[in-house]
Amino acid sequence: MKLYSSIIVDDDEIDRLTVVSYAKKFPWITISGVFENASTALSFLENNDIDIAFLDIEMPGASGIELRKKALSIPVCVFISSHFESAAETFEIQTLDFIVKPFKFPRFEQTMHRIEEFMNIKIKADLYEQTIGGDAIYVKSGTEKVKIRLHEILYLEALKNYTVIVTESKRHYVLKGLTEFLTEDFFRQFVRIHRSFAVMSAKINKVNTSEIELVNGTNLPIGRSYKNDLQNQL
């Protein structure tokens, strides 16, 4: 089992202890440091490589967002904050997930499964390739090819240098950037709503100030710089 190192940064002691307690339930993660402010965390990061960061947003001194901007080399960042209005902004700085306080273990467990999935795919991404033909995309994994029809795709999600093709039943991983996908005619019905997300227009059920709701109930954030593109598309 591969172990991944993590840090927890939160100025609230109870919240720090909660994250520590929850994280210890997963044997594949180690806690390398627990900090109550961004400055001490940054000092630690100068001499230590970390895989996962759990960050609060509002803290004395520098915020968690400022910390993340100075530590973009950390592969996975999860924000845990009561300031849900900041979620869209955090996804602009390579955030994997945003947990709203107060939260319970099932929500944290959901995030941990997503982190594990991300780490596994990061290792295996080079096994995937995609070819386009007709009204379908064919995703290759090893010796098998999976056919995904255009109308089955809910949205595309950018994760580092590969893209997740999300359908209602599965997530498919392709070693190809989201921007490159969106330049192809096959994906002309998709509109980019965020640095990390592009959705098929027909799958949008509702548009709010800071997020959209898809027909299956999934909510995705709208990036500030993409609001005009979304309005024009609709």
Protein backbone atom coordinates (compact mmCIF):
# COMPACT_ATOMS: atom_id res chain seq x y z
CA MET A 1 0.00 0.00 0.00
CA LYS A 2 1.39 3.38 -1.01
CA LEU A 3 1.30 5.97 1.76
CA TYR A 4 0.51 9.62 1.13
CA SER A 5 1.65 12.40 3.46
CA SER A 6 -0.65 15.22 4.56
CA ILE A 7 -0.83 18.44 6.53
CA ILE A 8 -3.80 19.97 8.33
CA VAL A 9 -3.99 23.76 8.72
CA ASP A 10 -6.84 25.29 10.76
CA ASP A 11 -6.91 27.90 13.50
CA ASP A 12 -9.78 26.15 15.31
CA GLU A 13 -8.50 23.43 17.65
CA ILE A 14 -11.69 21.37 17.61
CA ASP A 15 -11.76 21.38 13.81
CA ARG A 16 -8.08 20.37 13.67
CA LEU A 17 -8.70 17.47 16.03
CA THR A 18 -11.75 16.41 14.04
CA VAL A 19 -9.81 16.23 10.78
CA VAL A 20 -6.96 14.38 12.50
CA SER A 21 -9.40 11.88 13.98
CA TYR A 22 -11.16 11.28 10.67
CA ALA A 23 -7.93 11.07 8.62
CA LYS A 24 -6.49 8.43 10.96
CA LYS A 25 -9.28 6.08 9.91
CA PHE A 26 -7.60 5.69 6.50
CA PRO A 27 -4.43 3.56 6.58
CA TRP A 28 -3.03 4.98 3.32
CA ILE A 29 -2.57 8.50 4.66
CA THR A 30 -0.03 9.82 7.17
CA ILE A 31 -0.28 13.14 9.00
CA SER A 32 3.06 14.89 8.72
CA GLY A 33 2.07 18.16 10.34
CA VAL A 34 -0.82 19.95 12.06
CA PHE A 35 -0.72 23.76 12.12
CA GLU A 36 -2.91 26.60 13.36
CA ASN A 37 -1.78 29.19 10.81
CA ALA A 38 -0.41 29.47 7.29
CA SER A 39 3.01 30.87 8.21
CA THR A 40 4.08 27.86 10.28
CA ALA A 41 2.75 25.54 7.59
CA LEU A 42 4.78 27.33 4.92
CA SER A 43 7.92 27.08 7.04
CA PHE A 44 7.34 23.33 7.31
CA LEU A 45 6.77 23.01 3.55
CA GLU A 46 10.14 24.59 2.80
CA ASN A 47 11.84 21.37 3.88
CA ASN A 48 9.13 18.75 3.40
CA ASP A 49 7.25 17.33 0.41
CA ILE A 50 3.55 16.76 0.99
CA ASP A 51 0.91 14.97 -1.08
CA ILE A 52 -2.30 16.29 0.49
CA ALA A 53 -3.24 19.55 2.24
CA PHE A 54 -6.41 20.07 4.28
CA LEU A 55 -6.82 23.84 4.63
CA ASP A 56 -9.16 26.21 6.40
CA ILE A 57 -9.74 29.56 4.69
CA GLU A 58 -10.13 32.26 7.34
CA MET A 59 -7.15 32.23 9.71
CA PRO A 60 -5.09 34.90 11.49
CA GLY A 61 -2.48 36.27 9.11
CA ALA A 62 -2.46 34.65 5.67
CA SER A 63 -5.59 32.81 4.56
CA GLY A 64 -5.76 29.23 3.38
CA ILE A 65 -6.23 30.51 -0.16
CA GLU A 66 -3.01 32.52 0.07
CA LEU A 67 -1.27 29.44 1.46
CA ARG A 68 -2.45 27.31 -1.46
CA LYS A 69 -1.22 29.86 -3.99
CA LYS A 70 2.26 29.56 -2.47
CA ALA A 71 2.10 25.77 -2.36
CA LEU A 72 0.69 24.73 -5.73
CA SER A 73 3.22 21.90 -5.92
CA ILE A 74 1.12 19.91 -3.43
CA PRO A 75 -0.83 17.49 -5.68
CA VAL A 76 -4.09 17.48 -3.67
CA CYS A 77 -5.70 20.36 -1.82
CA VAL A 78 -8.97 20.14 0.11
CA PHE A 79 -10.52 23.22 1.71
CA ILE A 80 -12.57 22.75 4.87
CA SER A 81 -14.38 25.97 5.72
CA SER A 82 -17.67 27.52 6.77
CA HIS A 83 -17.20 30.15 4.05
CA PHE A 84 -19.04 28.26 1.32
CA GLU A 85 -19.20 31.43 -0.78
CA SER A 86 -15.45 31.02 -1.38
CA ALA A 87 -15.79 27.58 -2.98
CA ALA A 88 -15.74 28.83 -6.56
CA GLU A 89 -12.58 30.85 -5.91
CA THR A 90 -10.77 27.86 -4.41
CA PHE A 91 -11.40 25.72 -7.49
CA GLU A 92 -9.45 28.27 -9.50
CA ILE A 93 -6.30 27.22 -7.60
CA GLN A 94 -6.33 23.47 -8.22
CA THR A 95 -8.64 22.36 -5.42
CA LEU A 96 -9.86 18.78 -5.44
CA ASP A 97 -12.75 19.26 -3.02
CA PHE A 98 -14.44 21.77 -0.70
CA ILE A 99 -16.03 20.60 2.57
CA VAL A 100 -18.43 22.99 4.29
CA LYS A 101 -18.29 23.22 8.08
CA PRO A 102 -19.80 21.80 10.18
CA PHE A 103 -19.38 18.36 8.67
CA LYS A 104 -19.57 14.72 9.74
CA PHE A 105 -17.50 11.68 8.89
CA PRO A 106 -19.55 10.49 5.85
CA ARG A 107 -18.79 13.77 4.03
CA PHE A 108 -15.09 13.50 4.89
CA GLU A 109 -15.09 9.87 3.80
CA GLN A 110 -16.49 10.93 0.42
CA THR A 111 -13.56 13.31 0.00
CA MET A 112 -11.06 10.65 1.00
CA HIS A 113 -12.42 8.26 -1.61
CA ARG A 114 -12.03 11.00 -4.18
CA ILE A 115 -8.43 11.64 -3.10
CA GLU A 116 -7.64 7.94 -3.34
CA GLU A 117 -9.23 7.80 -6.78
CA PHE A 118 -7.22 10.82 -7.89
CA MET A 119 -3.93 9.37 -6.67
CA ASN A 120 -4.59 6.00 -8.30
CA ILE A 121 -5.51 7.57 -11.63
CA LYS A 122 -2.50 9.88 -11.45
CA ILE A 123 -0.38 6.73 -11.52
CA LYS A 124 -2.44 4.91 -14.17
CA ALA A 125 -3.40 7.81 -16.45
CA ASP A 126 -0.84 6.88 -19.08
CA LEU A 127 -2.77 3.63 -19.69
CA TYR A 128 -5.67 5.58 -21.18
CA GLU A 129 -6.17 7.02 -24.62
CA GLN A 130 -9.17 8.25 -26.56
CA THR A 131 -10.33 8.15 -30.14
CA ILE A 132 -13.38 9.84 -31.60
CA GLY A 133 -15.77 8.40 -34.13
CA GLY A 134 -19.34 9.27 -35.07
CA ASP A 135 -21.44 10.26 -32.07
CA ALA A 136 -19.28 8.47 -29.54
CA ILE A 137 -15.93 8.67 -27.83
CA TYR A 138 -13.95 5.47 -27.28
CA VAL A 139 -11.85 5.35 -24.13
CA LYS A 140 -9.15 2.73 -24.06
CA SER A 141 -8.02 1.13 -20.82
CA GLY A 142 -5.38 -1.54 -21.31
CA THR A 143 -6.66 -3.82 -24.08
CA GLU A 144 -10.31 -2.83 -23.73
CA LYS A 145 -12.24 0.01 -25.35
CA VAL A 146 -15.29 1.55 -23.77
CA LYS A 147 -17.80 3.34 -25.99
CA ILE A 148 -19.32 6.50 -24.53
CA ARG A 149 -22.04 8.22 -26.51
CA LEU A 150 -22.12 12.00 -26.50
CA HIS A 151 -25.54 12.22 -24.83
CA GLU A 152 -24.30 10.08 -21.93
CA ILE A 153 -21.67 12.64 -20.87
CA LEU A 154 -22.71 14.94 -18.03
CA TYR A 155 -19.56 17.02 -17.78
CA LEU A 156 -15.79 17.09 -18.21
CA GLU A 157 -13.51 17.68 -15.25
CA ALA A 158 -9.89 18.81 -15.43
CA LEU A 159 -7.53 17.06 -13.03
CA LYS A 160 -3.94 18.15 -13.55
CA ASN A 161 -2.87 17.03 -17.05
CA TYR A 162 -5.75 14.65 -17.72
CA THR A 163 -9.51 14.92 -18.06
CA VAL A 164 -12.31 13.00 -16.38
CA ILE A 165 -15.29 12.21 -18.62
CA VAL A 166 -18.21 11.92 -16.22
CA THR A 167 -21.37 9.98 -17.06
CA GLU A 168 -24.18 9.04 -14.67
CA SER A 169 -22.69 5.60 -14.17
CA LYS A 170 -18.91 6.03 -14.34
CA ARG A 171 -15.88 8.32 -14.44
CA HIS A 172 -13.44 7.76 -17.33
CA TYR A 173 -9.89 9.14 -17.33
CA VAL A 174 -8.01 10.35 -20.37
CA LEU A 175 -4.45 11.65 -20.48
CA LYS A 176 -5.39 14.84 -22.29
CA GLY A 177 -6.04 18.37 -21.06
CA LEU A 178 -9.53 19.84 -20.85
CA THR A 179 -8.61 22.81 -23.04
CA GLU A 180 -7.48 20.44 -25.77
CA PHE A 181 -10.75 18.51 -25.57
CA LEU A 182 -12.80 21.67 -26.00
CA THR A 183 -11.05 22.64 -29.24
CA GLU A 184 -12.46 19.55 -30.98
CA ASP A 185 -15.72 19.69 -32.93
CA PHE A 186 -17.02 16.66 -31.05
CA PHE A 187 -17.25 18.75 -27.87
CA ARG A 188 -18.68 21.92 -29.41
CA GLN A 189 -21.88 21.48 -27.35
CA PHE A 190 -19.89 21.85 -24.14
CA VAL A 191 -19.43 25.18 -22.40
CA ARG A 192 -16.65 25.85 -19.93
CA ILE A 193 -18.10 27.10 -16.66
CA HIS A 194 -14.95 26.92 -14.59
CA ARG A 195 -11.24 26.30 -14.89
CA SER A 196 -11.94 22.71 -13.83
CA PHE A 197 -15.33 22.01 -15.45
CA ALA A 198 -17.10 22.02 -18.81
CA VAL A 199 -20.69 20.85 -19.21
CA MET A 200 -23.00 19.97 -22.06
CA SER A 201 -25.54 22.77 -22.37
CA ALA A 202 -28.46 20.34 -22.64
CA LYS A 203 -27.54 18.83 -19.25
CA ILE A 204 -27.95 22.12 -17.35
CA ASN A 205 -31.12 22.20 -15.28
CA LYS A 206 -30.65 25.42 -13.31
CA VAL A 207 -28.16 28.30 -13.13
CA ASN A 208 -27.58 30.16 -9.86
CA THR A 209 -25.24 33.01 -9.00
CA SER A 210 -22.23 30.84 -8.19
CA GLU A 211 -23.12 27.35 -9.41
CA ILE A 212 -25.15 25.31 -11.86
CA GLU A 213 -27.35 22.30 -11.25
CA LEU A 214 -27.28 19.46 -13.78
CA VAL A 215 -30.25 17.29 -14.70
CA ASN A 216 -29.04 14.53 -12.37
CA GLY A 217 -28.84 16.93 -9.39
CA THR A 218 -25.07 17.45 -9.47
CA ASN A 219 -23.96 20.98 -8.54
CA LEU A 220 -20.82 22.50 -10.08
CA PRO A 221 -19.23 25.90 -9.35
CA ILE A 222 -19.18 28.74 -11.87
CA GLY A 223 -15.85 30.54 -12.17
CA ARG A 224 -16.10 34.32 -12.23
CA SER A 225 -14.19 34.60 -15.50
CA TYR A 226 -16.54 32.13 -17.22
CA LYS A 227 -19.93 33.68 -16.32
CA ASN A 228 -20.25 35.63 -19.58
CA ASP A 229 -19.43 32.60 -21.71
CA LEU A 230 -22.10 30.61 -19.90
CA GLN A 231 -24.73 33.34 -20.33
CA ASN A 232 -23.94 33.64 -24.05
CA GLN A 233 -24.17 29.89 -24.54
CA LEU A 234 -27.56 29.69 -22.83
